[in-house]
Amino acid sequence: MKDPRKRRWGDYLFLERIRWDVALLLFPLLIISWIYGLVVWIRIKLYQAGLLKQAQLPCKVISVGNVTLGGTGKTPMVAHLAREIQKKGVKVGIVSRGYKGLKEDEGGVLSDGENIYMTPAEAGDEPFMLAKMLADIPVLVGRNRYEVGLYAYERFGLDVLILDDGFQHLGIKRDLDIVLIDTRRGFGNGHLFPRGPLREPLRGLRRASFLVLSKTESSQPMRKIEGVLRDLAPAVPFCHSRYKPDYLMEASSGRVFPPQFVQGKRAFAFAGIADPDYFIHVLEELGAEMVKEVRFPDHHRYASKDVRMMREYRDIAEVFVTTEKDYVKLQDIPFGDLPLFILGVVQEIWEEEAFFRTVLSALLS
């Protein structure tokens, strides 16, 4: 008799159903994903066996990452974490790879907590946004995160270093591994890259110290994912979080309005992030009347032609709204009389007390 406690992965993964001819066309990607998975598995085992050595920084290290490609809310979580740690009187800094930034290989100080020394193109979108959001907290970028982290410790006298997107960066020992999981997208089709969105097999969740389920407004997919977590990482605690709209800023004047300012207004929404649908969903929840939605590719580099396209809707839309990440790349592009607004969000953790109890325990151990 089948054990009712045994769950089938298909009950929880958002598995795709495709025709056999499409599956045949995608088969080469599946083969590559198997090879990729084998390489990832071997690499993890080498670190676990001590054949590949982990370097240890002379300060506490917290990693914030995920197991899927795309956005899960890492940047708001890193910002929230850094602010809360700083409130405890602890010197904290952030190191990011600076993905696709011109300084990714060279590395360096993006911000010393007072001044910003790189452009978005040099630092990468997310690190630059963190530098703009955080006062008195140094942000550094570089592919070699151990060397950059060591420099950050020596220059700024850090007690804690946060590794942005560091879960797969096994070369540095960490005191806490926080992994975010997007409940809207889940684990996609359950396949590894490039056939699917997984960076590594889901068994890797057992390495986590704490799991954070982000964007948790929908209960059904959340229950599915919780089932996977209980099966694969039963010893790892988890909590729930969401993006909470914080403010709406008028780009031309810098004036700040409550996010409800968009309620009842005809809105042109655009974003070049990993999950633009969620951004649009947040605007709709605030009561905006969407007249146009434009989804650019993640890390999209804006140009004047994009503004010309938006101008075609000038007589229809009352507000043009985008994200903080997109605004980083828009500040040098003239918008003229277009009423551009930026929606700011913060990470709201439902079980915040338990979450930060775990964080502080790791820092004090």
Protein backbone atom coordinates (compact mmCIF):
# COMPACT_ATOMS: atom_id res chain seq x y z
CA MET A 1 0.00 0.00 0.00
CA LYS A 2 1.27 3.43 -0.89
CA ASP A 3 2.50 5.47 2.05
CA PRO A 4 0.25 8.59 2.17
CA ARG A 5 3.11 10.57 3.67
CA LYS A 6 5.13 10.13 0.49
CA ARG A 7 4.57 13.10 -1.76
CA ARG A 8 5.06 13.14 -5.48
CA TRP A 9 7.20 15.96 -6.83
CA GLY A 10 4.59 16.60 -9.48
CA ASP A 11 2.19 17.65 -6.73
CA TYR A 12 4.41 20.59 -5.89
CA LEU A 13 6.51 21.55 -8.89
CA PHE A 14 4.85 23.62 -11.54
CA LEU A 15 5.65 21.01 -14.18
CA GLU A 16 4.96 21.92 -17.77
CA ARG A 17 2.82 19.85 -20.09
CA ILE A 18 4.10 20.02 -23.65
CA ARG A 19 3.50 18.09 -26.86
CA TRP A 20 5.90 15.30 -27.71
CA ASP A 21 7.23 17.15 -30.76
CA VAL A 22 8.07 20.21 -28.66
CA ALA A 23 9.69 17.94 -26.05
CA LEU A 24 11.80 16.43 -28.83
CA LEU A 25 13.01 19.89 -29.90
CA LEU A 26 13.89 20.73 -26.29
CA PHE A 27 15.71 17.44 -25.70
CA PRO A 28 19.20 18.89 -26.45
CA LEU A 29 18.65 21.45 -23.69
CA LEU A 30 17.66 18.62 -21.37
CA ILE A 31 20.92 16.80 -22.12
CA ILE A 32 22.91 19.96 -21.40
CA SER A 33 21.00 20.44 -18.14
CA TRP A 34 21.95 16.89 -17.07
CA ILE A 35 25.62 17.64 -17.76
CA TYR A 36 25.32 20.94 -15.92
CA GLY A 37 23.70 19.16 -12.97
CA LEU A 38 26.51 16.60 -12.83
CA VAL A 39 29.14 19.37 -12.77
CA VAL A 40 27.26 21.17 -9.99
CA TRP A 41 26.92 17.94 -7.98
CA ILE A 42 30.63 17.12 -8.30
CA ARG A 43 31.60 20.65 -7.27
CA ILE A 44 29.41 20.52 -4.15
CA LYS A 45 30.78 17.09 -3.19
CA LEU A 46 34.37 18.32 -3.58
CA TYR A 47 33.68 21.15 -1.16
CA GLN A 48 31.91 18.81 1.27
CA ALA A 49 34.86 16.39 1.16
CA GLY A 50 37.33 19.21 1.76
CA LEU A 51 39.10 18.66 -1.56
CA LEU A 52 38.09 22.18 -2.52
CA LYS A 53 38.83 24.56 0.33
CA GLN A 54 36.55 27.26 1.65
CA ALA A 55 38.26 30.51 2.58
CA GLN A 56 37.28 32.11 5.88
CA LEU A 57 36.95 35.86 6.29
CA PRO A 58 37.87 37.42 9.64
CA CYS A 59 34.28 38.61 10.17
CA LYS A 60 30.83 37.06 10.25
CA VAL A 61 29.41 36.26 6.81
CA ILE A 62 25.73 36.09 5.82
CA SER A 63 24.79 34.88 2.36
CA VAL A 64 21.50 35.83 0.69
CA GLY A 65 20.72 33.80 -2.42
CA ASN A 66 18.35 31.47 -4.23
CA VAL A 67 18.23 28.22 -6.19
CA THR A 68 16.52 29.59 -9.29
CA LEU A 69 17.45 32.06 -12.00
CA GLY A 70 15.75 35.42 -11.94
CA GLY A 71 14.42 37.67 -9.22
CA THR A 72 13.21 36.30 -5.90
CA GLY A 73 13.54 39.49 -3.87
CA LYS A 74 17.22 39.26 -2.93
CA THR A 75 17.94 43.00 -3.23
CA PRO A 76 15.13 44.17 -0.89
CA MET A 77 16.07 41.38 1.53
CA VAL A 78 19.76 42.39 1.55
CA ALA A 79 18.77 46.01 2.16
CA HIS A 80 16.36 45.09 4.96
CA LEU A 81 18.89 42.77 6.56
CA ALA A 82 21.67 45.36 6.41
CA ARG A 83 19.50 48.08 7.97
CA GLU A 84 18.34 45.85 10.84
CA ILE A 85 21.86 44.65 11.61
CA GLN A 86 23.14 48.23 11.53
CA LYS A 87 20.46 49.23 14.07
CA LYS A 88 22.09 46.81 16.53
CA GLY A 89 25.28 48.87 16.41
CA VAL A 90 27.05 46.31 14.23
CA LYS A 91 29.31 47.43 11.39
CA VAL A 92 27.94 45.79 8.26
CA GLY A 93 28.94 45.86 4.60
CA ILE A 94 27.76 44.27 1.37
CA VAL A 95 29.68 42.49 -1.37
CA SER A 96 28.05 41.67 -4.71
CA ARG A 97 29.50 40.15 -7.83
CA GLY A 98 28.36 43.14 -9.87
CA TYR A 99 26.83 40.94 -12.55
CA LYS A 100 27.24 42.38 -16.07
CA GLY A 101 28.92 45.47 -14.64
CA LEU A 102 32.08 46.85 -16.26
CA LYS A 103 33.91 46.54 -12.92
CA GLU A 104 32.89 42.91 -12.33
CA ASP A 105 36.37 41.52 -13.06
CA GLU A 106 38.37 44.37 -11.55
CA GLY A 107 36.23 44.88 -8.46
CA GLY A 108 36.22 47.83 -6.11
CA VAL A 109 34.30 50.10 -3.77
CA LEU A 110 30.94 51.12 -5.17
CA SER A 111 29.99 53.10 -2.09
CA ASP A 112 31.75 53.87 1.20
CA GLY A 113 28.40 54.64 2.81
CA GLU A 114 28.66 58.34 1.97
CA ASN A 115 29.78 58.67 -1.64
CA ILE A 116 29.08 56.57 -4.74
CA TYR A 117 32.10 55.99 -6.96
CA MET A 118 30.68 53.92 -9.83
CA THR A 119 27.97 54.29 -12.42
CA PRO A 120 25.19 51.72 -12.83
CA ALA A 121 26.95 50.40 -15.94
CA GLU A 122 30.16 49.87 -13.97
CA ALA A 123 28.63 48.37 -10.83
CA GLY A 124 25.58 46.52 -12.15
CA ASP A 125 21.94 47.40 -11.54
CA GLU A 126 21.25 45.74 -8.18
CA PRO A 127 24.48 46.77 -6.38
CA PHE A 128 24.03 50.36 -7.52
CA MET A 129 20.46 50.34 -6.24
CA LEU A 130 21.68 49.02 -2.87
CA ALA A 131 24.25 51.81 -2.69
CA LYS A 132 21.53 54.41 -3.35
CA MET A 133 19.19 52.86 -0.78
CA LEU A 134 21.62 52.42 2.12
CA ALA A 135 23.30 55.19 4.06
CA ASP A 136 26.44 54.53 6.13
CA ILE A 137 26.77 51.00 4.71
CA PRO A 138 29.63 50.27 2.29
CA VAL A 139 28.84 48.33 -0.87
CA LEU A 140 31.58 46.66 -2.92
CA VAL A 141 31.54 44.66 -6.14
CA GLY A 142 33.81 42.09 -7.72
CA ARG A 143 33.89 38.58 -9.12
CA ASN A 144 36.51 37.45 -6.56
CA ARG A 145 34.33 37.95 -3.53
CA TYR A 146 36.88 36.67 -1.03
CA GLU A 147 39.48 39.29 -2.03
CA VAL A 148 36.81 42.01 -2.17
CA GLY A 149 35.38 40.87 1.18
CA LEU A 150 38.82 40.88 2.80
CA TYR A 151 39.45 44.38 1.50
CA ALA A 152 36.04 45.50 2.81
CA TYR A 153 36.85 44.09 6.25
CA GLU A 154 40.26 45.77 6.40
CA ARG A 155 39.15 49.15 5.07
CA PHE A 156 35.84 49.52 6.91
CA GLY A 157 36.43 47.42 10.03
CA LEU A 158 33.36 45.29 9.40
CA ASP A 159 31.78 42.96 11.93
CA VAL A 160 29.41 41.41 9.37
CA LEU A 161 29.63 41.00 5.62
CA ILE A 162 26.53 40.23 3.55
CA LEU A 163 27.13 38.27 0.35
CA ASP A 164 24.53 39.32 -2.20
CA ASP A 165 23.51 36.32 -4.34
CA GLY A 166 26.00 34.06 -2.58
CA PHE A 167 24.30 30.69 -2.07
CA GLN A 168 26.20 28.99 -4.91
CA HIS A 169 29.44 30.83 -4.06
CA LEU A 170 30.85 27.98 -1.98
CA GLY A 171 34.41 29.32 -1.88
CA ILE A 172 33.69 31.43 1.23
CA LYS A 173 32.61 30.03 4.58
CA ARG A 174 29.47 31.63 5.88
CA ASP A 175 27.78 31.76 9.28
CA LEU A 176 24.27 31.99 7.86
CA ASP A 177 22.76 31.01 4.50
CA ILE A 178 19.42 32.68 3.72
CA VAL A 179 17.69 31.34 0.62
CA LEU A 180 14.71 33.07 -1.01
CA ILE A 181 12.03 31.22 -2.96
CA ASP A 182 9.56 33.01 -5.22
CA THR A 183 6.12 31.54 -4.47
CA ARG A 184 4.68 32.95 -7.69
CA ARG A 185 7.17 31.13 -9.91
CA GLY A 186 8.11 28.29 -7.60
CA PHE A 187 10.69 25.98 -9.13
CA GLY A 188 9.43 26.40 -12.67
CA ASN A 189 9.35 23.19 -14.67
CA GLY A 190 11.64 21.47 -12.19
CA HIS A 191 14.59 21.25 -14.60
CA LEU A 192 18.10 22.57 -14.21
CA PHE A 193 19.49 25.34 -16.42
CA PRO A 194 19.29 25.65 -19.43
CA ARG A 195 16.20 23.43 -19.71
CA GLY A 196 14.68 25.09 -16.66
CA PRO A 197 15.31 27.78 -14.05
CA LEU A 198 17.13 25.76 -11.38
CA ARG A 199 20.70 26.73 -10.57
CA GLU A 200 21.27 23.49 -8.70
CA PRO A 201 19.28 20.42 -7.63
CA LEU A 202 16.68 21.19 -4.98
CA ARG A 203 18.50 18.92 -2.52
CA GLY A 204 20.84 21.87 -2.11
CA LEU A 205 18.17 23.57 0.00
CA ARG A 206 19.43 21.42 2.89
CA ARG A 207 22.54 23.63 3.04
CA ALA A 208 20.38 26.65 3.89
CA SER A 209 20.13 28.05 7.41
CA PHE A 210 16.80 29.76 6.74
CA LEU A 211 14.34 29.75 3.84
CA VAL A 212 12.26 32.82 3.00
CA LEU A 213 9.19 32.39 0.80
CA SER A 214 8.74 35.69 -1.00
CA LYS A 215 5.70 37.26 -2.72
CA THR A 216 3.36 35.19 -0.57
CA GLU A 217 -0.03 36.62 -1.48
CA SER A 218 -1.30 33.44 -3.17
CA SER A 219 -1.94 30.52 -0.81
CA GLN A 220 -2.20 27.62 -3.26
CA PRO A 221 1.30 27.71 -4.81
CA MET A 222 2.66 28.51 -1.35
CA ARG A 223 1.26 25.26 0.04
CA LYS A 224 2.79 23.34 -2.87
CA ILE A 225 6.22 24.80 -2.26
CA GLU A 226 5.97 24.27 1.50
CA GLY A 227 5.35 20.59 0.75
CA VAL A 228 8.60 20.40 -1.23
CA LEU A 229 10.49 22.14 1.56
CA ARG A 230 9.17 19.77 4.21
CA ASP A 231 10.21 16.82 2.05
CA LEU A 232 13.64 18.00 0.95
CA ALA A 233 14.80 20.22 3.82
CA PRO A 234 12.70 19.26 6.86
CA ALA A 235 15.27 20.60 9.33
CA VAL A 236 15.50 24.07 7.76
CA PRO A 237 13.11 26.68 9.22
CA PHE A 238 11.25 28.98 6.85
CA CYS A 239 9.19 32.14 6.97
CA HIS A 240 7.07 34.21 4.58
CA SER A 241 7.61 37.66 3.11
CA ARG A 242 6.21 40.04 0.55
CA TYR A 243 7.03 43.30 -1.17
CA LYS A 244 5.26 46.10 0.66
CA PRO A 245 4.75 49.33 -1.35
CA ASP A 246 6.60 52.05 0.54
CA TYR A 247 6.46 55.25 -1.48
CA LEU A 248 5.89 56.78 -4.90
CA MET A 249 8.48 59.35 -5.99
CA GLU A 250 8.01 61.89 -8.76
CA ALA A 251 11.19 61.76 -10.85
CA SER A 252 11.18 65.37 -12.02
CA SER A 253 10.82 66.96 -8.58
CA GLY A 254 11.89 64.25 -6.13
CA ARG A 255 8.64 64.71 -4.24
CA VAL A 256 7.48 61.63 -2.35
CA PHE A 257 3.87 60.51 -2.23
CA PRO A 258 2.17 57.58 -0.50
CA PRO A 259 1.89 54.58 -2.83
CA GLN A 260 -1.91 54.97 -2.85
CA PHE A 261 -1.34 58.08 -4.99
CA VAL A 262 -1.84 55.87 -8.07
CA GLN A 263 -5.31 54.76 -6.98
CA GLY A 264 -7.84 55.52 -9.72
CA LYS A 265 -5.18 56.97 -12.04
CA ARG A 266 -4.62 55.77 -15.60
CA ALA A 267 -1.16 54.23 -15.48
CA PHE A 268 1.50 53.24 -18.01
CA ALA A 269 3.62 50.63 -16.21
CA PHE A 270 7.00 49.47 -17.50
CA ALA A 271 9.82 47.42 -16.04
CA GLY A 272 12.95 45.56 -17.09
CA ILE A 273 13.25 43.18 -14.16
CA ALA A 274 13.08 39.42 -13.70
CA ASP A 275 9.40 39.44 -12.71
CA PRO A 276 7.64 42.49 -14.21
CA ASP A 277 4.25 40.80 -13.76
CA TYR A 278 4.58 41.08 -10.00
CA PHE A 279 5.35 44.79 -10.24
CA ILE A 280 2.22 45.28 -12.34
CA HIS A 281 0.25 43.15 -9.87
CA VAL A 282 1.35 45.45 -7.01
CA LEU A 283 0.20 48.52 -8.95
CA GLU A 284 -3.16 46.93 -9.65
CA GLU A 285 -3.52 46.07 -5.97
CA LEU A 286 -2.94 49.76 -5.21
CA GLY A 287 -5.88 50.63 -7.47
CA ALA A 288 -4.09 51.88 -10.60
CA GLU A 289 -6.05 51.60 -13.85
CA MET A 290 -3.60 50.06 -16.31
CA VAL A 291 -3.74 51.53 -19.81
CA LYS A 292 -0.45 50.00 -20.97
CA GLU A 293 1.99 47.44 -19.63
CA VAL A 294 5.48 47.08 -21.12
CA ARG A 295 7.74 44.23 -20.03
CA PHE A 296 11.35 44.78 -21.03
CA PRO A 297 13.98 42.04 -20.64
CA ASP A 298 15.77 41.83 -17.31
CA HIS A 299 18.72 44.27 -17.10
CA HIS A 300 17.30 46.20 -20.08
CA ARG A 301 19.38 49.22 -21.08
CA TYR A 302 17.03 52.09 -21.82
CA ALA A 303 17.42 54.39 -24.81
CA SER A 304 15.66 57.42 -26.26
CA LYS A 305 13.54 55.18 -28.50
CA ASP A 306 11.89 53.73 -25.38
CA VAL A 307 10.85 57.22 -24.27
CA ARG A 308 9.51 57.98 -27.76
CA MET A 309 7.35 54.88 -27.53
CA MET A 310 6.02 55.98 -24.13
CA ARG A 311 5.28 59.46 -25.45
CA GLU A 312 2.68 57.96 -27.77
CA TYR A 313 0.58 57.33 -24.65
CA ARG A 314 1.04 60.81 -23.16
CA ASP A 315 -2.59 61.79 -23.78
CA ILE A 316 -3.94 58.54 -22.36
CA ALA A 317 -1.87 57.86 -19.25
CA GLU A 318 -1.87 60.14 -16.21
CA VAL A 319 1.22 58.54 -14.66
CA PHE A 320 4.16 56.51 -15.97
CA VAL A 321 5.37 54.17 -13.25
CA THR A 322 8.51 52.03 -13.02
CA THR A 323 10.67 50.29 -10.40
CA GLU A 324 13.65 51.49 -8.37
CA LYS A 325 15.91 49.13 -10.28
CA ASP A 326 14.77 50.56 -13.62
CA TYR A 327 15.11 54.15 -12.43
CA VAL A 328 18.81 53.52 -11.77
CA LYS A 329 19.23 53.26 -15.57
CA LEU A 330 16.83 56.07 -16.48
CA GLN A 331 18.33 59.06 -14.70
CA ASP A 332 20.42 60.20 -17.68
CA ILE A 333 17.56 59.85 -20.18
CA PRO A 334 15.42 62.97 -20.73
CA PHE A 335 11.74 62.30 -20.12
CA GLY A 336 10.60 65.87 -20.75
CA ASP A 337 7.06 66.42 -19.57
CA LEU A 338 6.24 62.76 -19.05
CA PRO A 339 4.97 62.31 -15.45
CA LEU A 340 7.41 59.59 -14.40
CA PHE A 341 7.02 58.01 -10.96
CA ILE A 342 9.10 55.39 -9.16
CA LEU A 343 7.45 52.83 -6.90
CA GLY A 344 9.60 51.99 -3.89
CA VAL A 345 9.07 48.75 -1.99
CA VAL A 346 10.40 47.22 1.21
CA GLN A 347 10.65 43.60 2.28
CA GLU A 348 8.04 42.73 4.88
CA ILE A 349 8.71 39.49 6.78
CA TRP A 350 5.67 38.03 8.45
CA GLU A 351 7.55 36.05 11.10
CA GLU A 352 10.16 38.77 11.53
CA GLU A 353 10.89 38.16 15.20
CA ALA A 354 11.76 34.49 14.63
CA PHE A 355 13.76 35.36 11.53
CA PHE A 356 15.97 37.94 13.23
CA ARG A 357 16.34 35.72 16.28
CA THR A 358 18.03 33.22 13.95
CA VAL A 359 20.15 35.97 12.37
CA LEU A 360 21.32 37.38 15.69
CA SER A 361 22.00 33.89 17.04
CA ALA A 362 24.35 33.24 14.11
CA LEU A 363 26.10 36.58 14.63
CA LEU A 364 26.59 36.04 18.37
CA SER A 365 27.67 32.40 18.17
